[in-house]
């Protein structure tokens, strides 16, 4: 070109445009337009290559996290392990007395939403009912990691891995009235509580200090405590507990007693599955057990599978309470 003009076009995607000097009269409008068009096409292609269809594909491969509920029957496989008496990632004080429990993969464990529910598991030689009390970080949906005792009810342990079907138990017989444990470190400015003996997976826990106060919803943590980070006051408290099937009860008289298990006289529902009436009896307290204060789940050994060619490597899952969960194989 006679005037030798070359137009530099700068597009700043991070800041709003500012007044810029007009190009010299020698610049050709068609050249400017062509440059903008080519640059826009290049940017569009770059963005398309960077984003592409990956999010959509990834979303298609990701199942929504939710615990097993209702009457649906699921198909999968089972392995086994031994918690050595520990209560799992659900922060149970200990394994159940009958030692019939299960760990679920992250999708079905659902950040603690499955805790406290029960499954009926059918294997090659029978059926067993197990308490959901733990998480298996490497287990895919349908992979149940049973206790050694539970596995022996449905299959010969020498098999190691067996096909199973399983379904949630709706309104199972309750082991007793609801229990409440205020977490260590709780105060009038920070509140966390674990609810026990509820039978079905819980949907919500709400707390208030006085009858005139509004209900404050607590946020479920993946280690099965319900947290109100701003606190609720010094107590005593009234708690309203609801499960996924619509059962709801109210329990009053829960004291600010960190580390102690407070036993109520309220059951989540009446025998036979009918929802219990809303009541507010005071809760009694039993002395705290001698167990570590800050870690809900002790470190656990790898899965024990009879025919595994090599032991699994223990893997820890990080939560706000540093709860440890075990790695599965199979």
Protein backbone atom coordinates (compact mmCIF):
# COMPACT_ATOMS: atom_id res chain seq x y z
CA UNK A 1 0.00 0.00 0.00
CA UNK A 2 1.29 3.50 -0.76
CA UNK A 3 1.03 4.78 2.83
CA UNK A 4 2.31 1.49 4.30
CA UNK A 5 -0.45 1.50 6.96
CA UNK A 6 -0.95 -1.70 8.99
CA UNK A 7 -3.76 -1.69 11.54
CA UNK A 8 -3.16 -3.34 14.97
CA UNK A 9 -6.44 -4.35 16.60
CA UNK A 10 -6.35 -4.96 20.34
CA UNK A 11 -9.33 -6.61 22.03
CA UNK A 12 -9.22 -6.62 25.83
CA UNK A 13 -11.75 -9.19 27.06
CA UNK A 14 -11.16 -8.38 30.72
CA UNK A 15 -11.94 -4.64 30.74
CA UNK A 16 -14.60 -2.40 29.26
CA UNK A 17 -13.60 -0.48 26.15
CA UNK A 18 -12.09 2.98 26.53
CA UNK A 19 -11.91 5.88 24.12
CA UNK A 20 -9.17 5.18 21.63
CA UNK A 21 -7.78 7.53 18.93
CA UNK A 22 -9.30 6.99 15.50
CA UNK A 23 -7.10 5.23 12.95
CA UNK A 24 -5.26 7.40 10.50
CA UNK A 25 -7.07 8.43 7.38
CA UNK A 26 -4.81 6.13 5.42
CA UNK A 27 -6.30 2.95 6.97
CA UNK A 28 -8.64 1.12 4.69
CA UNK A 29 -12.07 0.34 6.18
CA UNK A 30 -12.29 -3.00 4.37
CA UNK A 31 -8.96 -4.03 5.89
CA UNK A 32 -10.17 -3.18 9.40
CA UNK A 33 -13.39 -5.12 8.91
CA UNK A 34 -11.55 -8.12 7.49
CA UNK A 35 -9.11 -8.11 10.41
CA UNK A 36 -11.92 -8.01 12.96
CA UNK A 37 -13.75 -10.84 11.19
CA UNK A 38 -10.67 -13.06 11.07
CA UNK A 39 -9.79 -12.34 14.70
CA UNK A 40 -13.34 -13.03 15.85
CA UNK A 41 -13.40 -16.31 13.95
CA UNK A 42 -10.05 -17.28 15.49
CA UNK A 43 -11.25 -16.44 18.98
CA UNK A 44 -14.46 -18.37 18.40
CA UNK A 45 -12.53 -21.41 17.24
CA UNK A 46 -10.17 -21.18 20.21
CA UNK A 47 -13.05 -20.95 22.68
CA UNK A 48 -14.81 -23.85 20.98
CA UNK A 49 -11.67 -25.97 21.20
CA UNK A 50 -11.16 -25.10 24.86
CA UNK A 51 -14.71 -25.73 25.93
CA UNK A 52 -15.91 -28.19 23.29
CA UNK A 53 -18.37 -30.81 24.45
CA UNK A 54 -16.38 -31.90 27.52
CA UNK A 55 -18.75 -30.47 30.19
CA UNK A 56 -21.77 -32.07 28.53
CA UNK A 57 -19.99 -35.41 28.22
CA UNK A 58 -18.75 -35.24 31.80
CA UNK A 59 -22.23 -34.42 33.02
CA UNK A 60 -23.58 -37.40 31.13
CA UNK A 61 -21.14 -39.68 32.94
CA UNK A 62 -21.86 -38.29 36.41
CA UNK A 63 -24.75 -39.74 38.37
CA UNK A 64 -26.66 -37.55 40.78
CA UNK A 65 -25.57 -38.20 44.35
CA UNK A 66 -28.43 -39.67 46.37
CA UNK A 67 -28.81 -42.46 48.92
CA UNK A 68 -30.86 -45.56 48.10
CA UNK A 69 -34.48 -44.84 49.11
CA UNK A 70 -37.97 -46.08 48.36
CA UNK A 71 -38.79 -49.52 47.02
CA UNK A 72 -36.42 -49.64 44.03
CA UNK A 73 -34.23 -52.74 43.74
CA UNK A 74 -30.60 -52.13 42.74
CA UNK A 75 -28.10 -54.55 41.21
CA UNK A 76 -24.40 -54.54 42.03
CA UNK A 77 -21.62 -56.40 43.78
CA UNK A 78 -20.34 -56.81 47.33
CA UNK A 79 -16.93 -57.06 48.96
CA UNK A 80 -16.13 -56.98 52.68
CA UNK A 81 -13.92 -55.33 55.29
CA UNK A 82 -13.63 -55.04 59.07
CA UNK A 83 -14.06 -51.70 60.86
CA UNK A 84 -12.34 -53.12 63.97
CA UNK A 85 -15.22 -51.77 66.06
CA UNK A 86 -15.00 -48.21 64.72
CA UNK A 87 -18.20 -46.38 63.80
CA UNK A 88 -17.27 -45.28 60.29
CA UNK A 89 -17.49 -41.98 58.45
CA UNK A 90 -21.03 -41.45 59.81
CA UNK A 91 -19.46 -40.71 63.23
CA UNK A 92 -21.24 -43.56 65.00
CA UNK A 93 -19.83 -44.08 68.51
CA UNK A 94 -18.99 -47.64 67.43
CA UNK A 95 -20.03 -50.36 65.02
CA UNK A 96 -23.49 -51.83 65.75
CA UNK A 97 -23.56 -54.64 68.29
CA UNK A 98 -24.57 -57.20 65.65
CA UNK A 99 -21.69 -56.00 63.42
CA UNK A 100 -23.94 -55.87 60.35
CA UNK A 101 -23.01 -52.69 58.47
CA UNK A 102 -22.05 -51.38 55.04
CA UNK A 103 -19.93 -48.69 53.40
CA UNK A 104 -21.23 -47.02 50.22
CA UNK A 105 -19.43 -45.27 47.39
CA UNK A 106 -19.52 -41.45 47.23
CA UNK A 107 -22.55 -41.30 44.92
CA UNK A 108 -24.80 -43.36 47.20
CA UNK A 109 -23.18 -42.15 50.43
CA UNK A 110 -24.15 -38.70 49.15
CA UNK A 111 -22.05 -36.56 51.50
CA UNK A 112 -23.57 -38.24 54.56
CA UNK A 113 -27.22 -38.24 53.40
CA UNK A 114 -27.33 -42.06 53.56
CA UNK A 115 -26.07 -42.27 57.15
CA UNK A 116 -28.31 -44.13 59.56
CA UNK A 117 -30.42 -45.83 56.90
CA UNK A 118 -30.66 -49.58 56.33
CA UNK A 119 -30.36 -51.84 53.28
CA UNK A 120 -31.61 -55.36 52.67
CA UNK A 121 -28.91 -57.12 50.64
CA UNK A 122 -29.52 -60.39 48.77
CA UNK A 123 -26.55 -62.55 47.78
CA UNK A 124 -25.91 -66.08 46.54
CA UNK A 125 -26.88 -67.77 49.79
CA UNK A 126 -29.21 -65.43 51.65
CA UNK A 127 -30.33 -61.97 52.76
CA UNK A 128 -28.90 -59.62 55.37
CA UNK A 129 -30.03 -56.25 56.72
CA UNK A 130 -27.19 -53.77 57.24
CA UNK A 131 -26.78 -50.30 58.75
CA UNK A 132 -25.24 -47.65 56.48
CA UNK A 133 -22.40 -46.25 58.56
CA UNK A 134 -19.42 -45.65 56.31
CA UNK A 135 -18.08 -44.39 52.99
CA UNK A 136 -15.93 -46.28 50.47
CA UNK A 137 -14.26 -43.53 48.39
CA UNK A 138 -13.28 -45.78 45.47
CA UNK A 139 -16.57 -47.74 45.24
CA UNK A 140 -18.73 -47.08 42.20
CA UNK A 141 -22.55 -46.97 42.45
CA UNK A 142 -23.78 -50.49 43.17
CA UNK A 143 -20.60 -51.57 44.97
CA UNK A 144 -21.39 -52.41 48.59
CA UNK A 145 -18.51 -52.96 51.01
CA UNK A 146 -20.11 -55.07 53.73
CA UNK A 147 -18.78 -56.00 57.13
CA UNK A 148 -17.15 -59.42 57.24
CA UNK A 149 -20.08 -60.73 59.28
CA UNK A 150 -22.68 -59.37 56.85
CA UNK A 151 -20.86 -60.80 53.84
CA UNK A 152 -20.78 -64.24 55.48
CA UNK A 153 -24.60 -64.14 55.71
CA UNK A 154 -24.98 -63.86 51.92
CA UNK A 155 -21.91 -65.65 50.49
CA UNK A 156 -18.87 -67.72 51.27
CA UNK A 157 -16.11 -65.26 52.26
CA UNK A 158 -13.60 -67.18 50.14
CA UNK A 159 -15.41 -65.79 47.07
CA UNK A 160 -14.31 -62.26 47.95
CA UNK A 161 -16.58 -60.51 45.43
CA UNK A 162 -20.16 -61.60 44.69
CA UNK A 163 -23.13 -60.21 42.73
CA UNK A 164 -25.95 -58.82 44.86
CA UNK A 165 -29.25 -57.00 44.72
CA UNK A 166 -30.27 -54.55 47.41
CA UNK A 167 -32.99 -52.09 48.38
CA UNK A 168 -33.61 -49.50 51.08
CA UNK A 169 -35.61 -50.45 54.15
CA UNK A 170 -38.49 -48.01 54.68
CA UNK A 171 -39.36 -47.35 58.33
CA UNK A 172 -37.25 -50.20 59.77
CA UNK A 173 -37.71 -51.22 63.42
CA UNK A 174 -35.93 -48.63 65.53
CA UNK A 175 -33.21 -49.61 68.00
CA UNK A 176 -34.54 -47.01 70.45
CA UNK A 177 -35.56 -43.37 70.85
CA UNK A 178 -33.60 -40.60 69.18
CA UNK A 179 -30.20 -39.69 70.60
CA UNK A 180 -28.33 -36.39 70.27
CA UNK A 181 -24.63 -35.68 70.59
CA UNK A 182 -23.35 -32.09 70.61
CA UNK A 183 -19.91 -32.02 69.03
CA UNK A 184 -16.75 -31.19 70.90
CA UNK A 185 -15.91 -27.51 70.56
CA UNK A 186 -19.55 -26.42 70.30
CA UNK A 187 -20.60 -23.26 72.13
CA UNK A 188 -23.27 -20.59 71.97
CA UNK A 189 -21.43 -19.27 68.88
CA UNK A 190 -20.94 -22.59 67.02
CA UNK A 191 -23.39 -25.48 67.01
CA UNK A 192 -23.09 -29.04 65.67
CA UNK A 193 -25.16 -32.09 66.59
CA UNK A 194 -25.33 -35.73 65.53
CA UNK A 195 -28.73 -37.44 65.58
CA UNK A 196 -28.90 -41.20 66.19
CA UNK A 197 -31.52 -43.98 66.00
CA UNK A 198 -33.61 -42.33 63.26
CA UNK A 199 -34.03 -45.44 61.07
CA UNK A 200 -34.53 -43.70 57.71
CA UNK A 201 -32.12 -41.24 56.10
CA UNK A 202 -32.72 -37.72 57.42
CA UNK A 203 -33.87 -34.81 55.29
CA UNK A 204 -33.41 -31.92 57.74
CA UNK A 205 -32.58 -30.86 61.28
CA UNK A 206 -33.78 -27.49 62.62
CA UNK A 207 -32.88 -25.88 65.93
CA UNK A 208 -34.16 -23.07 68.13
CA UNK A 209 -33.50 -21.99 71.70
CA UNK A 210 -36.85 -20.47 72.66
CA UNK A 211 -40.35 -21.24 71.44
CA UNK A 212 -40.61 -17.68 70.17
CA UNK A 213 -37.43 -18.03 68.08
CA UNK A 214 -37.60 -18.96 64.38
CA UNK A 215 -36.35 -22.40 63.40
CA UNK A 216 -32.75 -22.32 62.17
CA UNK A 217 -31.88 -24.98 59.57
CA UNK A 218 -28.68 -26.91 60.19
CA UNK A 219 -26.40 -27.93 57.32
CA UNK A 220 -25.51 -31.59 57.03
CA UNK A 221 -21.76 -32.35 57.00
CA UNK A 222 -20.31 -35.39 55.24
CA UNK A 223 -19.28 -36.82 58.62
CA UNK A 224 -22.96 -36.82 59.70
CA UNK A 225 -23.11 -33.84 62.03
CA UNK A 226 -25.60 -31.01 61.49
CA UNK A 227 -23.94 -27.61 61.67
CA UNK A 228 -25.04 -24.03 62.36
CA UNK A 229 -21.81 -22.06 62.02
CA UNK A 230 -23.16 -18.92 63.70
CA UNK A 231 -24.45 -20.83 66.74
CA UNK A 232 -27.90 -20.90 68.32
CA UNK A 233 -27.14 -19.64 71.82
CA UNK A 234 -26.20 -21.34 75.10
CA UNK A 235 -29.22 -23.68 75.16
CA UNK A 236 -31.12 -25.69 76.11
CA UNK A 237 -32.44 -26.30 72.60
CA UNK A 238 -35.44 -27.69 70.82
CA UNK A 239 -34.71 -29.74 67.69
CA UNK A 240 -37.09 -30.61 64.87
CA UNK A 241 -35.98 -33.68 62.93
CA UNK A 242 -37.46 -34.78 59.58
CA UNK A 243 -36.66 -37.86 57.47
CA UNK A 244 -36.94 -38.48 53.74
CA UNK A 245 -40.37 -40.15 54.07
CA UNK A 246 -42.10 -37.30 55.88
CA UNK A 247 -41.74 -38.47 59.49
CA UNK A 248 -41.12 -35.45 61.72
CA UNK A 249 -40.67 -35.12 65.48
CA UNK A 250 -39.72 -32.32 67.87
CA UNK A 251 -37.51 -32.90 70.91
CA UNK A 252 -36.85 -30.30 73.59
CA UNK A 253 -34.45 -30.00 76.49
CA UNK A 254 -31.23 -30.73 74.57
CA UNK A 255 -28.42 -29.17 76.59
CA UNK A 256 -25.16 -27.63 75.48
CA UNK A 257 -23.14 -30.65 76.62
CA UNK A 258 -20.35 -31.25 74.07
CA UNK A 259 -19.20 -34.84 73.78
CA UNK A 260 -22.11 -36.33 75.69
CA UNK A 261 -24.85 -38.52 74.20
CA UNK A 262 -28.28 -37.27 75.29
CA UNK A 263 -31.03 -39.89 75.18
CA UNK A 264 -34.56 -38.70 74.45
CA UNK A 265 -37.82 -40.62 74.86
CA UNK A 266 -39.02 -39.69 71.35
CA UNK A 267 -39.00 -42.22 68.52
CA UNK A 268 -38.79 -41.06 64.93
CA UNK A 269 -41.94 -43.02 64.11
CA UNK A 270 -44.22 -45.48 65.85
CA UNK A 271 -43.85 -49.25 65.37
CA UNK A 272 -45.36 -50.20 62.05
CA UNK A 273 -44.10 -47.06 60.35
CA UNK A 274 -46.68 -44.44 61.42
CA UNK A 275 -45.20 -41.05 62.11
CA UNK A 276 -44.85 -40.25 65.78
CA UNK A 277 -46.69 -37.32 67.29
CA UNK A 278 -44.71 -34.16 67.87
CA UNK A 279 -43.53 -34.16 71.47
CA UNK A 280 -41.05 -32.28 73.61
CA UNK A 281 -39.81 -34.34 76.55
CA UNK A 282 -36.54 -33.42 78.19
CA UNK A 283 -33.52 -35.51 77.26
CA UNK A 284 -31.38 -37.42 79.73
CA UNK A 285 -27.61 -37.58 79.43
CA UNK A 286 -25.17 -40.43 79.72
CA UNK A 287 -21.44 -39.92 80.37
CA UNK A 288 -19.24 -39.48 77.31
CA UNK A 289 -17.29 -42.48 76.10
CA UNK A 290 -13.52 -42.49 76.01
CA UNK A 291 -12.90 -41.77 72.33
CA UNK A 292 -10.90 -39.19 70.37
CA UNK A 293 -12.56 -35.81 70.51
CA UNK A 294 -11.87 -34.33 67.11
CA UNK A 295 -11.85 -37.17 64.58
CA UNK A 296 -15.22 -38.78 63.79
CA UNK A 297 -13.67 -41.85 62.14
CA UNK A 298 -10.45 -43.60 63.14
CA UNK A 299 -7.97 -44.58 60.47
CA UNK A 300 -9.11 -47.80 58.91
CA UNK A 301 -7.40 -50.75 57.30
CA UNK A 302 -7.87 -51.63 53.61
CA UNK A 303 -10.66 -53.86 52.38
CA UNK A 304 -10.11 -57.52 53.11
CA UNK A 305 -10.97 -59.55 50.03
CA UNK A 306 -10.02 -63.20 50.13
CA UNK A 307 -9.00 -63.55 46.50
CA UNK A 308 -7.47 -60.13 45.91
CA UNK A 309 -4.01 -60.49 44.44
CA UNK A 310 -2.69 -57.52 46.41
CA UNK A 311 -3.96 -55.50 49.37
CA UNK A 312 -5.56 -52.14 48.74
CA UNK A 313 -3.84 -48.97 49.86
CA UNK A 314 -5.56 -46.98 52.55
CA UNK A 315 -6.95 -43.69 51.29
CA UNK A 316 -8.18 -40.86 53.46
CA UNK A 317 -11.10 -38.60 52.60
CA UNK A 318 -10.73 -35.02 53.82
CA UNK A 319 -13.71 -33.36 55.45
CA UNK A 320 -14.06 -30.39 57.77
CA UNK A 321 -13.60 -32.84 60.64
CA UNK A 322 -10.76 -34.76 58.90
CA UNK A 323 -12.86 -37.91 58.79
CA UNK A 324 -11.05 -40.88 57.31
CA UNK A 325 -12.70 -43.30 54.95
CA UNK A 326 -11.37 -46.51 53.48
CA UNK A 327 -10.39 -47.47 49.96
CA UNK A 328 -12.26 -50.40 48.36
CA UNK A 329 -11.11 -52.95 45.80
CA UNK A 330 -12.98 -55.27 43.46
